[in-house]
Amino acid sequence: RKIFFYRIVMIEKLKKLYIFEGIETKFLEMIIQNWKIKTFSKGSLVFREWEKAENSFILISWVVSVIRAKKEINTIFEWDIFWEIGLVLSEPRTASIKAETDIEVLEITKNSINKIIKEYPNGEFIKVTILNRIIQNHNK
């Protein structure tokens, strides 16, 4: 019962993220099944600047800092997505992410999202929608 409630909460949170707005619930359920929950201790790096980006993260709990050239440039809070460009491109990351508290993140790889899109009946349309939203947001 608790797991069912947690899945419903996660789906509702995902629906509020710009890349998943209007995406079918069944598709979001498949994403949740393929996401990995990871934890990082306060002060640890989630990833480093210039690493190849093959994944994306949603911050479930607490706070991370975005650091470029050893300078903090932004803060990301609970239920925000970061480095979603990793789902589209395999470019080096342009900043590091540091846990400011003990954190939990949902991680999805580019390979996982591509697999889901291939298996899902409406997958290609959803892929185009998500990719367009990521590219538009990245170009802002």
Foldseek 3Di string as FASTA:
>chain_A
DVVVVVLVVVLVLQCPAQLNPPPDSVLVSLQVVQWDKDKDAAFDWPDAFFQWQFKKKAWAAAKKFWAAPNHTDDMDHHSYIPPPCNLVGRGTHRTIIGHNHITMMIMDGNVSLVVSLVPDPCSVVSVVSSVVSVVVVVVD
